[in-house]
Structures are given as structure tokens and as C-alpha cells.
Amino acid sequence: MSYSLFIATTPPLYSSASQDLIEAAMSAANAELTVKIIFVNEGCWQLTTNTNKAGLRKDINKQLDLLTLYEIDDIYYYMPHPTIKSKLSSMTATQPVKTAEAFNEILNNAENVLVF
């Protein structure tokens, strides 16, 4: 099965990349493409709670929960920094990718890859 892979690499608050990723993924799903999202390294900070205390950016955790309405069910995170690992929100939507081989398999099987 071919799919478009959206990779989040940017921590929240530094740019609008997290919001851009969500909007692009929803647009792709509206175009009837199969979408998978993976948060990598610094991008995993987007999955933690209380990272937007100043209200500078939208909290994407609520938006991630809504992605099932767009039939986006494959949301992963890979290699979170050790300090992030314990702070990851317990969202049922996210699944850990535990090995480099599993990450490479997701990446290599993607028809399109977009990095935010």
C-alpha cells in the first residue's frame, strides 16, 4: 500500500511547521491519499504537554486527536530525546517506532515524503 509520509522534525514554538504539517496532512487526506505521520527527534517535543504556556502557537495535541476523522490513524514517534521520553503525552494515537530498521521500513515504503 502506498502512502504519503509526513515527518515532523521541528520543535514547537520555533516556527509554524507543526501547524503546517497538520494542515498538509489533512489536505492530503482530503485528496484521498493515505497519510502517515512520524515525529522524529526534536519534533517529538510537539507531543509533550505544556509546551505552549505562552499561547504562541496552537497546541497540536487536540488536532492530532481529530486526525481520525480524516482517516489518518498511523501516527508514530521515533528516537525521542531521553528527557522527552518520560514527558510524552499518553495519546492513544501515537505509536513508538523502536528500531532504526522499523523507521527505515516506514520511510522506504512511502511514495511521498514531506519533512516539516
PDB file of N, CA and C in Angstrom:
ATOM      1  N   MET A   1       0.842  -1.174   0.000  1.00  0.00           N
ATOM      2  CA  MET A   1       0.000   0.000   0.000  1.00  0.00           C
ATOM      3  C   MET A   1       0.894   1.247   0.000  1.00  0.00           C
ATOM      4  N   SER A   2       0.654   2.143  -0.927  1.00  0.00           N
ATOM      5  CA  SER A   2       1.443   3.364  -0.982  1.00  0.00           C
ATOM      6  C   SER A   2       0.817   4.419  -0.075  1.00  0.00           C
ATOM      7  N   TYR A   3       1.671   5.272   0.438  1.00  0.00           N
ATOM      8  CA  TYR A   3       1.207   6.315   1.338  1.00  0.00           C
ATOM      9  C   TYR A   3       2.158   7.501   1.285  1.00  0.00           C
ATOM     10  N   SER A   4       1.669   8.630   1.759  1.00  0.00           N
ATOM     11  CA  SER A   4       2.480   9.829   1.910  1.00  0.00           C
ATOM     12  C   SER A   4       2.900   9.921   3.374  1.00  0.00           C
ATOM     13  N   LEU A   5       4.189  10.145   3.587  1.00  0.00           N
ATOM     14  CA  LEU A   5       4.734  10.212   4.932  1.00  0.00           C
ATOM     15  C   LEU A   5       5.086  11.658   5.266  1.00  0.00           C
ATOM     16  N   PHE A   6       4.558  12.142   6.378  1.00  0.00           N
ATOM     17  CA  PHE A   6       4.834  13.486   6.860  1.00  0.00           C
ATOM     18  C   PHE A   6       5.722  13.351   8.092  1.00  0.00           C
ATOM     19  N   ILE A   7       6.905  13.976   8.050  1.00  0.00           N
ATOM     20  CA  ILE A   7       7.873  13.846   9.134  1.00  0.00           C
ATOM     21  C   ILE A   7       8.002  15.180   9.857  1.00  0.00           C
ATOM     22  N   ALA A   8       7.754  15.179  11.160  1.00  0.00           N
ATOM     23  CA  ALA A   8       7.894  16.369  11.996  1.00  0.00           C
ATOM     24  C   ALA A   8       9.265  16.349  12.660  1.00  0.00           C
ATOM     25  N   THR A   9      10.090  17.327  12.347  1.00  0.00           N
ATOM     26  CA  THR A   9      11.440  17.394  12.915  1.00  0.00           C
ATOM     27  C   THR A   9      11.680  18.657  13.727  1.00  0.00           C
ATOM     28  N   THR A  10      10.736  19.577  13.701  1.00  0.00           N
ATOM     29  CA  THR A  10      10.913  20.878  14.333  1.00  0.00           C
ATOM     30  C   THR A  10      10.203  20.931  15.683  1.00  0.00           C
ATOM     31  N   PRO A  11      10.878  21.431  16.712  1.00  0.00           N
ATOM     32  CA  PRO A  11      10.189  21.577  17.998  1.00  0.00           C
ATOM     33  C   PRO A  11       9.124  22.662  17.913  1.00  0.00           C
ATOM     34  N   PRO A  12       8.126  22.600  18.780  1.00  0.00           N
ATOM     35  CA  PRO A  12       7.089  23.631  18.754  1.00  0.00           C
ATOM     36  C   PRO A  12       7.657  24.987  19.167  1.00  0.00           C
ATOM     37  N   LEU A  13       6.938  26.014  18.861  1.00  0.00           N
ATOM     38  CA  LEU A  13       7.235  27.394  19.231  1.00  0.00           C
ATOM     39  C   LEU A  13       8.308  28.052  18.386  1.00  0.00           C
ATOM     40  N   TYR A  14       9.112  27.298  17.649  1.00  0.00           N
ATOM     41  CA  TYR A  14      10.148  27.916  16.838  1.00  0.00           C
ATOM     42  C   TYR A  14       9.642  28.358  15.480  1.00  0.00           C
ATOM     43  N   SER A  15       8.622  27.694  14.998  1.00  0.00           N
ATOM     44  CA  SER A  15       8.059  28.039  13.695  1.00  0.00           C
ATOM     45  C   SER A  15       6.639  27.505  13.629  1.00  0.00           C
ATOM     46  N   SER A  16       6.016  27.724  12.503  1.00  0.00           N
ATOM     47  CA  SER A  16       4.665  27.210  12.302  1.00  0.00           C
ATOM     48  C   SER A  16       4.687  25.831  11.656  1.00  0.00           C
ATOM     49  N   ALA A  17       5.832  25.163  11.670  1.00  0.00           N
ATOM     50  CA  ALA A  17       5.977  23.879  10.978  1.00  0.00           C
ATOM     51  C   ALA A  17       4.995  22.831  11.483  1.00  0.00           C
ATOM     52  N   SER A  18       4.737  22.786  12.777  1.00  0.00           N
ATOM     53  CA  SER A  18       3.813  21.770  13.293  1.00  0.00           C
ATOM     54  C   SER A  18       2.407  22.008  12.766  1.00  0.00           C
ATOM     55  N   GLN A  19       1.986  23.253  12.745  1.00  0.00           N
ATOM     56  CA  GLN A  19       0.668  23.569  12.206  1.00  0.00           C
ATOM     57  C   GLN A  19       0.624  23.306  10.702  1.00  0.00           C
ATOM     58  N   ASP A  20       1.704  23.628  10.009  1.00  0.00           N
ATOM     59  CA  ASP A  20       1.772  23.373   8.565  1.00  0.00           C
ATOM     60  C   ASP A  20       1.679  21.883   8.268  1.00  0.00           C
ATOM     61  N   LEU A  21       2.345  21.073   9.082  1.00  0.00           N
ATOM     62  CA  LEU A  21       2.294  19.624   8.905  1.00  0.00           C
ATOM     63  C   LEU A  21       0.872  19.108   9.044  1.00  0.00           C
ATOM     64  N   ILE A  22       0.169  19.523  10.085  1.00  0.00           N
ATOM     65  CA  ILE A  22      -1.200  19.065  10.316  1.00  0.00           C
ATOM     66  C   ILE A  22      -2.095  19.466   9.154  1.00  0.00           C
ATOM     67  N   GLU A  23      -1.988  20.713   8.708  1.00  0.00           N
ATOM     68  CA  GLU A  23      -2.825  21.184   7.610  1.00  0.00           C
ATOM     69  C   GLU A  23      -2.514  20.458   6.310  1.00  0.00           C
ATOM     70  N   ALA A  24      -1.232  20.212   6.037  1.00  0.00           N
ATOM     71  CA  ALA A  24      -0.851  19.489   4.820  1.00  0.00           C
ATOM     72  C   ALA A  24      -1.339  18.043   4.870  1.00  0.00           C
ATOM     73  N   ALA A  25      -1.238  17.419   6.033  1.00  0.00           N
ATOM     74  CA  ALA A  25      -1.704  16.033   6.175  1.00  0.00           C
ATOM     75  C   ALA A  25      -3.217  15.949   5.972  1.00  0.00           C
ATOM     76  N   MET A  26      -3.958  16.896   6.531  1.00  0.00           N
ATOM     77  CA  MET A  26      -5.413  16.890   6.349  1.00  0.00           C
ATOM     78  C   MET A  26      -5.774  17.151   4.885  1.00  0.00           C
ATOM     79  N   SER A  27      -5.037  18.030   4.222  1.00  0.00           N
ATOM     80  CA  SER A  27      -5.292  18.297   2.806  1.00  0.00           C
ATOM     81  C   SER A  27      -5.022  17.057   1.958  1.00  0.00           C
ATOM     82  N   ALA A  28      -3.940  16.363   2.263  1.00  0.00           N
ATOM     83  CA  ALA A  28      -3.622  15.136   1.528  1.00  0.00           C
ATOM     84  C   ALA A  28      -4.696  14.079   1.749  1.00  0.00           C
ATOM     85  N   ALA A  29      -5.168  13.967   2.972  1.00  0.00           N
ATOM     86  CA  ALA A  29      -6.227  13.007   3.271  1.00  0.00           C
ATOM     87  C   ALA A  29      -7.518  13.386   2.545  1.00  0.00           C
ATOM     88  N   ASN A  30      -7.803  14.686   2.441  1.00  0.00           N
ATOM     89  CA  ASN A  30      -8.981  15.137   1.697  1.00  0.00           C
ATOM     90  C   ASN A  30      -8.878  14.786   0.217  1.00  0.00           C
ATOM     91  N   ALA A  31      -7.641  14.705  -0.287  1.00  0.00           N
ATOM     92  CA  ALA A  31      -7.410  14.326  -1.677  1.00  0.00           C
ATOM     93  C   ALA A  31      -7.367  12.805  -1.834  1.00  0.00           C
ATOM     94  N   GLU A  32      -7.812  12.108  -0.785  1.00  0.00           N
ATOM     95  CA  GLU A  32      -7.907  10.653  -0.753  1.00  0.00           C
ATOM     96  C   GLU A  32      -6.561   9.942  -0.852  1.00  0.00           C
ATOM     97  N   LEU A  33      -5.511  10.576  -0.316  1.00  0.00           N
ATOM     98  CA  LEU A  33      -4.216   9.917  -0.191  1.00  0.00           C
ATOM     99  C   LEU A  33      -4.133   9.270   1.183  1.00  0.00           C
ATOM    100  N   THR A  34      -3.429   8.177   1.270  1.00  0.00           N
ATOM    101  CA  THR A  34      -3.176   7.547   2.562  1.00  0.00           C
ATOM    102  C   THR A  34      -2.026   8.288   3.214  1.00  0.00           C
ATOM    103  N   VAL A  35      -2.201   8.673   4.472  1.00  0.00           N
ATOM    104  CA  VAL A  35      -1.241   9.524   5.164  1.00  0.00           C
ATOM    105  C   VAL A  35      -0.743   8.830   6.429  1.00  0.00           C
ATOM    106  N   LYS A  36       0.576   8.924   6.653  1.00  0.00           N
ATOM    107  CA  LYS A  36       1.193   8.523   7.911  1.00  0.00           C
ATOM    108  C   LYS A  36       2.021   9.697   8.398  1.00  0.00           C
ATOM    109  N   ILE A  37       2.075   9.876   9.708  1.00  0.00           N
ATOM    110  CA  ILE A  37       2.837  10.966  10.315  1.00  0.00           C
ATOM    111  C   ILE A  37       3.816  10.371  11.313  1.00  0.00           C
ATOM    112  N   ILE A  38       5.044  10.883  11.302  1.00  0.00           N
ATOM    113  CA  ILE A  38       6.027  10.439  12.290  1.00  0.00           C
ATOM    114  C   ILE A  38       6.751  11.662  12.860  1.00  0.00           C
ATOM    115  N   PHE A  39       6.869  11.683  14.176  1.00  0.00           N
ATOM    116  CA  PHE A  39       7.580  12.734  14.887  1.00  0.00           C
ATOM    117  C   PHE A  39       8.967  12.198  15.210  1.00  0.00           C
ATOM    118  N   VAL A  40      10.008  12.939  14.820  1.00  0.00           N
ATOM    119  CA  VAL A  40      11.378  12.461  14.952  1.00  0.00           C
ATOM    120  C   VAL A  40      12.203  13.463  15.750  1.00  0.00           C
ATOM    121  N   ASN A  41      13.031  12.954  16.639  1.00  0.00           N
ATOM    122  CA  ASN A  41      13.971  13.747  17.438  1.00  0.00           C
ATOM    123  C   ASN A  41      13.307  14.978  18.047  1.00  0.00           C
ATOM    124  N   GLU A  42      13.743  16.181  17.682  1.00  0.00           N
ATOM    125  CA  GLU A  42      13.204  17.411  18.264  1.00  0.00           C
ATOM    126  C   GLU A  42      11.711  17.577  17.976  1.00  0.00           C
ATOM    127  N   GLY A  43      11.225  16.972  16.919  1.00  0.00           N
ATOM    128  CA  GLY A  43       9.804  17.039  16.606  1.00  0.00           C
ATOM    129  C   GLY A  43       8.939  16.360  17.653  1.00  0.00           C
ATOM    130  N   CYS A  44       9.523  15.466  18.432  1.00  0.00           N
ATOM    131  CA  CYS A  44       8.778  14.777  19.489  1.00  0.00           C
ATOM    132  C   CYS A  44       8.325  15.731  20.581  1.00  0.00           C
ATOM    133  N   TRP A  45       8.987  16.885  20.705  1.00  0.00           N
ATOM    134  CA  TRP A  45       8.550  17.871  21.703  1.00  0.00           C
ATOM    135  C   TRP A  45       7.123  18.315  21.441  1.00  0.00           C
ATOM    136  N   GLN A  46       6.663  18.211  20.190  1.00  0.00           N
ATOM    137  CA  GLN A  46       5.293  18.594  19.870  1.00  0.00           C
ATOM    138  C   GLN A  46       4.273  17.696  20.567  1.00  0.00           C
ATOM    139  N   LEU A  47       4.678  16.504  20.952  1.00  0.00           N
ATOM    140  CA  LEU A  47       3.774  15.549  21.584  1.00  0.00           C
ATOM    141  C   LEU A  47       3.700  15.699  23.093  1.00  0.00           C
ATOM    142  N   THR A  48       4.562  16.534  23.636  1.00  0.00           N
ATOM    143  CA  THR A  48       4.541  16.719  25.084  1.00  0.00           C
ATOM    144  C   THR A  48       3.484  17.753  25.457  1.00  0.00           C
ATOM    145  N   THR A  49       3.033  17.669  26.680  1.00  0.00           N
ATOM    146  CA  THR A  49       2.036  18.633  27.143  1.00  0.00           C
ATOM    147  C   THR A  49       2.735  19.846  27.741  1.00  0.00           C
ATOM    148  N   ASN A  50       2.033  20.938  27.818  1.00  0.00           N
ATOM    149  CA  ASN A  50       2.523  22.180  28.431  1.00  0.00           C
ATOM    150  C   ASN A  50       3.751  22.767  27.756  1.00  0.00           C
ATOM    151  N   THR A  51       3.855  22.608  26.421  1.00  0.00           N
ATOM    152  CA  THR A  51       4.976  23.219  25.715  1.00  0.00           C
ATOM    153  C   THR A  51       4.588  24.567  25.140  1.00  0.00           C
ATOM    154  N   ASN A  52       3.364  24.974  25.343  1.00  0.00           N
ATOM    155  CA  ASN A  52       2.891  26.216  24.755  1.00  0.00           C
ATOM    156  C   ASN A  52       2.234  27.095  25.812  1.00  0.00           C
ATOM    157  N   LYS A  53       2.901  27.291  26.901  1.00  0.00           N
ATOM    158  CA  LYS A  53       2.316  28.050  28.012  1.00  0.00           C
ATOM    159  C   LYS A  53       2.022  29.499  27.636  1.00  0.00           C
ATOM    160  N   ALA A  54       2.827  30.065  26.758  1.00  0.00           N
ATOM    161  CA  ALA A  54       2.631  31.463  26.392  1.00  0.00           C
ATOM    162  C   ALA A  54       1.528  31.633  25.349  1.00  0.00           C
ATOM    163  N   GLY A  55       1.021  30.550  24.819  1.00  0.00           N
ATOM    164  CA  GLY A  55      -0.027  30.635  23.815  1.00  0.00           C
ATOM    165  C   GLY A  55       0.464  31.141  22.473  1.00  0.00           C
ATOM    166  N   LEU A  56       1.754  30.951  22.188  1.00  0.00           N
ATOM    167  CA  LEU A  56       2.325  31.467  20.944  1.00  0.00           C
ATOM    168  C   LEU A  56       1.888  30.672  19.726  1.00  0.00           C
ATOM    169  N   ARG A  57       1.678  29.398  19.867  1.00  0.00           N
ATOM    170  CA  ARG A  57       1.276  28.527  18.762  1.00  0.00           C
ATOM    171  C   ARG A  57       0.106  27.670  19.216  1.00  0.00           C
ATOM    172  N   LYS A  58      -0.607  27.140  18.247  1.00  0.00           N
ATOM    173  CA  LYS A  58      -1.712  26.248  18.571  1.00  0.00           C
ATOM    174  C   LYS A  58      -1.159  24.938  19.118  1.00  0.00           C
ATOM    175  N   ASP A  59      -1.852  24.371  20.070  1.00  0.00           N
ATOM    176  CA  ASP A  59      -1.497  23.070  20.621  1.00  0.00           C
ATOM    177  C   ASP A  59      -1.963  22.002  19.647  1.00  0.00           C
ATOM    178  N   ILE A  60      -1.022  21.222  19.105  1.00  0.00           N
ATOM    179  CA  ILE A  60      -1.415  20.249  18.087  1.00  0.00           C
ATOM    180  C   ILE A  60      -1.984  18.966  18.679  1.00  0.00           C
ATOM    181  N   ASN A  61      -1.859  18.766  19.989  1.00  0.00           N
ATOM    182  CA  ASN A  61      -2.375  17.529  20.576  1.00  0.00           C
ATOM    183  C   ASN A  61      -3.868  17.365  20.331  1.00  0.00           C
ATOM    184  N   LYS A  62      -4.623  18.427  20.433  1.00  0.00           N
ATOM    185  CA  LYS A  62      -6.056  18.353  20.161  1.00  0.00           C
ATOM    186  C   LYS A  62      -6.310  18.058  18.687  1.00  0.00           C
ATOM    187  N   GLN A  63      -5.494  18.638  17.826  1.00  0.00           N
ATOM    188  CA  GLN A  63      -5.649  18.401  16.394  1.00  0.00           C
ATOM    189  C   GLN A  63      -5.284  16.967  16.022  1.00  0.00           C
ATOM    190  N   LEU A  64      -4.283  16.416  16.693  1.00  0.00           N
ATOM    191  CA  LEU A  64      -3.902  15.030  16.417  1.00  0.00           C
ATOM    192  C   LEU A  64      -5.052  14.080  16.720  1.00  0.00           C
ATOM    193  N   ASP A  65      -5.785  14.362  17.780  1.00  0.00           N
ATOM    194  CA  ASP A  65      -6.932  13.520  18.121  1.00  0.00           C
ATOM    195  C   ASP A  65      -8.014  13.581  17.053  1.00  0.00           C
ATOM    196  N   LEU A  66      -8.092  14.694  16.330  1.00  0.00           N
ATOM    197  CA  LEU A  66      -9.104  14.847  15.287  1.00  0.00           C
ATOM    198  C   LEU A  66      -8.708  14.207  13.957  1.00  0.00           C
ATOM    199  N   LEU A  67      -7.453  13.809  13.819  1.00  0.00           N
ATOM    200  CA  LEU A  67      -6.998  13.257  12.545  1.00  0.00           C
ATOM    201  C   LEU A  67      -7.707  11.964  12.160  1.00  0.00           C
ATOM    202  N   THR A  68      -8.268  11.269  13.136  1.00  0.00           N
ATOM    203  CA  THR A  68      -9.011  10.052  12.798  1.00  0.00           C
ATOM    204  C   THR A  68     -10.229  10.371  11.939  1.00  0.00           C
ATOM    205  N   LEU A  69     -10.752  11.586  12.054  1.00  0.00           N
ATOM    206  CA  LEU A  69     -11.863  11.997  11.187  1.00  0.00           C
ATOM    207  C   LEU A  69     -11.428  12.064   9.724  1.00  0.00           C
ATOM    208  N   TYR A  70     -10.136  12.252   9.508  1.00  0.00           N
ATOM    209  CA  TYR A  70      -9.569  12.293   8.158  1.00  0.00           C
ATOM    210  C   TYR A  70      -8.979  10.939   7.763  1.00  0.00           C
ATOM    211  N   GLU A  71      -9.261   9.933   8.553  1.00  0.00           N
ATOM    212  CA  GLU A  71      -8.744   8.572   8.353  1.00  0.00           C
ATOM    213  C   GLU A  71      -7.220   8.524   8.395  1.00  0.00           C
ATOM    214  N   ILE A  72      -6.638   9.375   9.238  1.00  0.00           N
ATOM    215  CA  ILE A  72      -5.199   9.346   9.500  1.00  0.00           C
ATOM    216  C   ILE A  72      -5.015   8.674  10.852  1.00  0.00           C
ATOM    217  N   ASP A  73      -4.704   7.395  10.804  1.00  0.00           N
ATOM    218  CA  ASP A  73      -4.607   6.608  12.035  1.00  0.00           C
ATOM    219  C   ASP A  73      -3.172   6.213  12.375  1.00  0.00           C
ATOM    220  N   ASP A  74      -2.267   6.352  11.428  1.00  0.00           N
ATOM    221  CA  ASP A  74      -0.886   5.937  11.641  1.00  0.00           C
ATOM    222  C   ASP A  74      -0.036   7.140  12.024  1.00  0.00           C
ATOM    223  N   ILE A  75       0.110   7.347  13.330  1.00  0.00           N
ATOM    224  CA  ILE A  75       0.904   8.446  13.866  1.00  0.00           C
ATOM    225  C   ILE A  75       1.963   7.835  14.777  1.00  0.00           C
ATOM    226  N   TYR A  76       3.235   8.105  14.462  1.00  0.00           N
ATOM    227  CA  TYR A  76       4.344   7.469  15.167  1.00  0.00           C
ATOM    228  C   TYR A  76       5.284   8.516  15.756  1.00  0.00           C
ATOM    229  N   TYR A  77       6.146   8.072  16.659  1.00  0.00           N
ATOM    230  CA  TYR A  77       7.281   8.875  17.081  1.00  0.00           C
ATOM    231  C   TYR A  77       8.497   7.971  17.129  1.00  0.00           C
ATOM    232  N   TYR A  78       9.689   8.566  16.842  1.00  0.00           N
ATOM    233  CA  TYR A  78      10.919   7.789  16.761  1.00  0.00           C
ATOM    234  C   TYR A  78      12.058   8.548  17.421  1.00  0.00           C
ATOM    235  N   MET A  79      12.818   7.854  18.246  1.00  0.00           N
ATOM    236  CA  MET A  79      14.019   8.346  18.905  1.00  0.00           C
ATOM    237  C   MET A  79      13.797   9.614  19.720  1.00  0.00           C
ATOM    238  N   PRO A  80      12.842   9.622  20.605  1.00  0.00           N
ATOM    239  CA  PRO A  80      12.701  10.823  21.429  1.00  0.00           C
ATOM    240  C   PRO A  80      13.912  10.983  22.338  1.00  0.00           C
ATOM    241  N   HIS A  81      14.294  12.195  22.535  1.00  0.00           N
ATOM    242  CA  HIS A  81      15.389  12.519  23.438  1.00  0.00           C
ATOM    243  C   HIS A  81      15.055  11.943  24.816  1.00  0.00           C
ATOM    244  N   PRO A  82      16.038  11.444  25.555  1.00  0.00           N
ATOM    245  CA  PRO A  82      15.745  10.829  26.862  1.00  0.00           C
ATOM    246  C   PRO A  82      14.908  11.697  27.794  1.00  0.00           C
ATOM    247  N   THR A  83      15.091  13.011  27.754  1.00  0.00           N
ATOM    248  CA  THR A  83      14.285  13.855  28.630  1.00  0.00           C
ATOM    249  C   THR A  83      12.852  13.984  28.135  1.00  0.00           C
ATOM    250  N   ILE A  84      12.647  13.744  26.862  1.00  0.00           N
ATOM    251  CA  ILE A  84      11.298  13.816  26.300  1.00  0.00           C
ATOM    252  C   ILE A  84      10.534  12.521  26.580  1.00  0.00           C
ATOM    253  N   LYS A  85      11.247  11.423  26.570  1.00  0.00           N
ATOM    254  CA  LYS A  85      10.609  10.110  26.653  1.00  0.00           C
ATOM    255  C   LYS A  85       9.618  10.009  27.799  1.00  0.00           C
ATOM    256  N   SER A  86       9.985  10.539  28.952  1.00  0.00           N
ATOM    257  CA  SER A  86       9.096  10.442  30.108  1.00  0.00           C
ATOM    258  C   SER A  86       7.968  11.471  30.061  1.00  0.00           C
ATOM    259  N   LYS A  87       8.097  12.478  29.204  1.00  0.00           N
ATOM    260  CA  LYS A  87       7.102  13.531  29.149  1.00  0.00           C
ATOM    261  C   LYS A  87       6.105  13.370  28.003  1.00  0.00           C
ATOM    262  N   LEU A  88       6.303  12.368  27.159  1.00  0.00           N
ATOM    263  CA  LEU A  88       5.391  12.203  26.040  1.00  0.00           C
ATOM    264  C   LEU A  88       3.978  12.008  26.548  1.00  0.00           C
ATOM    265  N   SER A  89       3.074  12.710  25.938  1.00  0.00           N
ATOM    266  CA  SER A  89       1.679  12.593  26.362  1.00  0.00           C
ATOM    267  C   SER A  89       1.187  11.190  26.052  1.00  0.00           C
ATOM    268  N   SER A  90       0.252  10.739  26.813  1.00  0.00           N
ATOM    269  CA  SER A  90      -0.243   9.371  26.650  1.00  0.00           C
ATOM    270  C   SER A  90      -1.402   9.343  25.654  1.00  0.00           C
ATOM    271  N   MET A  91      -1.141   9.865  24.496  1.00  0.00           N
ATOM    272  CA  MET A  91      -2.170   9.861  23.464  1.00  0.00           C
ATOM    273  C   MET A  91      -2.231   8.472  22.854  1.00  0.00           C
ATOM    274  N   THR A  92      -3.408   7.958  22.674  1.00  0.00           N
ATOM    275  CA  THR A  92      -3.539   6.636  22.087  1.00  0.00           C
ATOM    276  C   THR A  92      -3.227   6.660  20.605  1.00  0.00           C
ATOM    277  N   ALA A  93      -3.206   7.854  20.008  1.00  0.00           N
ATOM    278  CA  ALA A  93      -2.979   7.953  18.569  1.00  0.00           C
ATOM    279  C   ALA A  93      -1.534   7.685  18.188  1.00  0.00           C
ATOM    280  N   THR A  94      -0.585   7.896  19.099  1.00  0.00           N
ATOM    281  CA  THR A  94       0.817   7.744  18.734  1.00  0.00           C
ATOM    282  C   THR A  94       1.335   6.363  19.095  1.00  0.00           C
ATOM    283  N   GLN A  95       2.228   5.877  18.231  1.00  0.00           N
ATOM    284  CA  GLN A  95       2.842   4.567  18.424  1.00  0.00           C
ATOM    285  C   GLN A  95       4.351   4.742  18.349  1.00  0.00           C
ATOM    286  N   PRO A  96       5.105   4.106  19.231  1.00  0.00           N
ATOM    287  CA  PRO A  96       6.556   4.230  19.142  1.00  0.00           C
ATOM    288  C   PRO A  96       7.121   3.382  17.999  1.00  0.00           C
ATOM    289  N   VAL A  97       8.154   3.898  17.374  1.00  0.00           N
ATOM    290  CA  VAL A  97       8.952   3.127  16.422  1.00  0.00           C
ATOM    291  C   VAL A  97      10.247   2.841  17.164  1.00  0.00           C
ATOM    292  N   LYS A  98      10.499   1.588  17.461  1.00  0.00           N
ATOM    293  CA  LYS A  98      11.549   1.251  18.426  1.00  0.00           C
ATOM    294  C   LYS A  98      12.927   1.031  17.823  1.00  0.00           C
ATOM    295  N   THR A  99      13.013   0.728  16.524  1.00  0.00           N
ATOM    296  CA  THR A  99      14.317   0.428  15.941  1.00  0.00           C
ATOM    297  C   THR A  99      14.541   1.250  14.671  1.00  0.00           C
ATOM    298  N   ALA A 100      15.811   1.414  14.331  1.00  0.00           N
ATOM    299  CA  ALA A 100      16.152   2.115  13.096  1.00  0.00           C
ATOM    300  C   ALA A 100      15.618   1.360  11.886  1.00  0.00           C
ATOM    301  N   GLU A 101      15.598   0.040  11.966  1.00  0.00           N
ATOM    302  CA  GLU A 101      15.084  -0.760  10.855  1.00  0.00           C
ATOM    303  C   GLU A 101      13.595  -0.494  10.627  1.00  0.00           C
ATOM    304  N   ALA A 102      12.848  -0.392  11.708  1.00  0.00           N
ATOM    305  CA  ALA A 102      11.412  -0.112  11.582  1.00  0.00           C
ATOM    306  C   ALA A 102      11.192   1.282  11.005  1.00  0.00           C
ATOM    307  N   PHE A 103      11.998   2.260  11.442  1.00  0.00           N
ATOM    308  CA  PHE A 103      11.895   3.610  10.894  1.00  0.00           C
ATOM    309  C   PHE A 103      12.222   3.600   9.403  1.00  0.00           C
ATOM    310  N   ASN A 104      13.305   2.919   9.020  1.00  0.00           N
ATOM    311  CA  ASN A 104      13.689   2.851   7.614  1.00  0.00           C
ATOM    312  C   ASN A 104      12.634   2.166   6.766  1.00  0.00           C
ATOM    313  N   GLU A 105      11.968   1.175   7.319  1.00  0.00           N
ATOM    314  CA  GLU A 105      10.904   0.497   6.582  1.00  0.00           C
ATOM    315  C   GLU A 105       9.738   1.458   6.306  1.00  0.00           C
ATOM    316  N   ILE A 106       9.347   2.220   7.308  1.00  0.00           N
ATOM    317  CA  ILE A 106       8.276   3.205   7.116  1.00  0.00           C
ATOM    318  C   ILE A 106       8.704   4.227   6.067  1.00  0.00           C
ATOM    319  N   LEU A 107       9.936   4.691   6.160  1.00  0.00           N
ATOM    320  CA  LEU A 107      10.454   5.703   5.241  1.00  0.00           C
ATOM    321  C   LEU A 107      10.576   5.161   3.814  1.00  0.00           C
ATOM    322  N   ASN A 108      11.130   3.979   3.665  1.00  0.00           N
ATOM    323  CA  ASN A 108      11.356   3.414   2.333  1.00  0.00           C
ATOM    324  C   ASN A 108      10.072   2.994   1.624  1.00  0.00           C
ATOM    325  N   ASN A 109       9.032   2.674   2.365  1.00  0.00           N
ATOM    326  CA  ASN A 109       7.783   2.256   1.750  1.00  0.00           C
ATOM    327  C   ASN A 109       6.874   3.424   1.368  1.00  0.00           C
ATOM    328  N   ALA A 110       7.266   4.621   1.757  1.00  0.00           N
ATOM    329  CA  ALA A 110       6.456   5.802   1.455  1.00  0.00           C
ATOM    330  C   ALA A 110       6.621   6.197  -0.012  1.00  0.00           C
ATOM    331  N   GLU A 111       5.512   6.557  -0.623  1.00  0.00           N
ATOM    332  CA  GLU A 111       5.563   7.045  -2.007  1.00  0.00           C
ATOM    333  C   GLU A 111       6.041   8.487  -2.044  1.00  0.00           C
ATOM    334  N   ASN A 112       5.594   9.286  -1.078  1.00  0.00           N
ATOM    335  CA  ASN A 112       5.995  10.685  -0.961  1.00  0.00           C
ATOM    336  C   ASN A 112       6.434  10.936   0.471  1.00  0.00           C
ATOM    337  N   VAL A 113       7.473  11.762   0.641  1.00  0.00           N
ATOM    338  CA  VAL A 113       7.946  12.120   1.974  1.00  0.00           C
ATOM    339  C   VAL A 113       8.040  13.637   2.059  1.00  0.00           C
ATOM    340  N   LEU A 114       7.386  14.201   3.058  1.00  0.00           N
ATOM    341  CA  LEU A 114       7.447  15.646   3.293  1.00  0.00           C
ATOM    342  C   LEU A 114       7.972  15.863   4.702  1.00  0.00           C
ATOM    343  N   VAL A 115       8.978  16.730   4.826  1.00  0.00           N
ATOM    344  CA  VAL A 115       9.622  16.980   6.109  1.00  0.00           C
ATOM    345  C   VAL A 115       9.294  18.401   6.559  1.00  0.00           C
ATOM    346  N   PHE A 116       8.819  18.521   7.794  1.00  0.00           N
ATOM    347  CA  PHE A 116       8.475  19.822   8.372  1.00  0.00           C
ATOM    348  C   PHE A 116       9.331  20.084   9.586  1.00  0.00           C
TER     349      PHE A 116
END
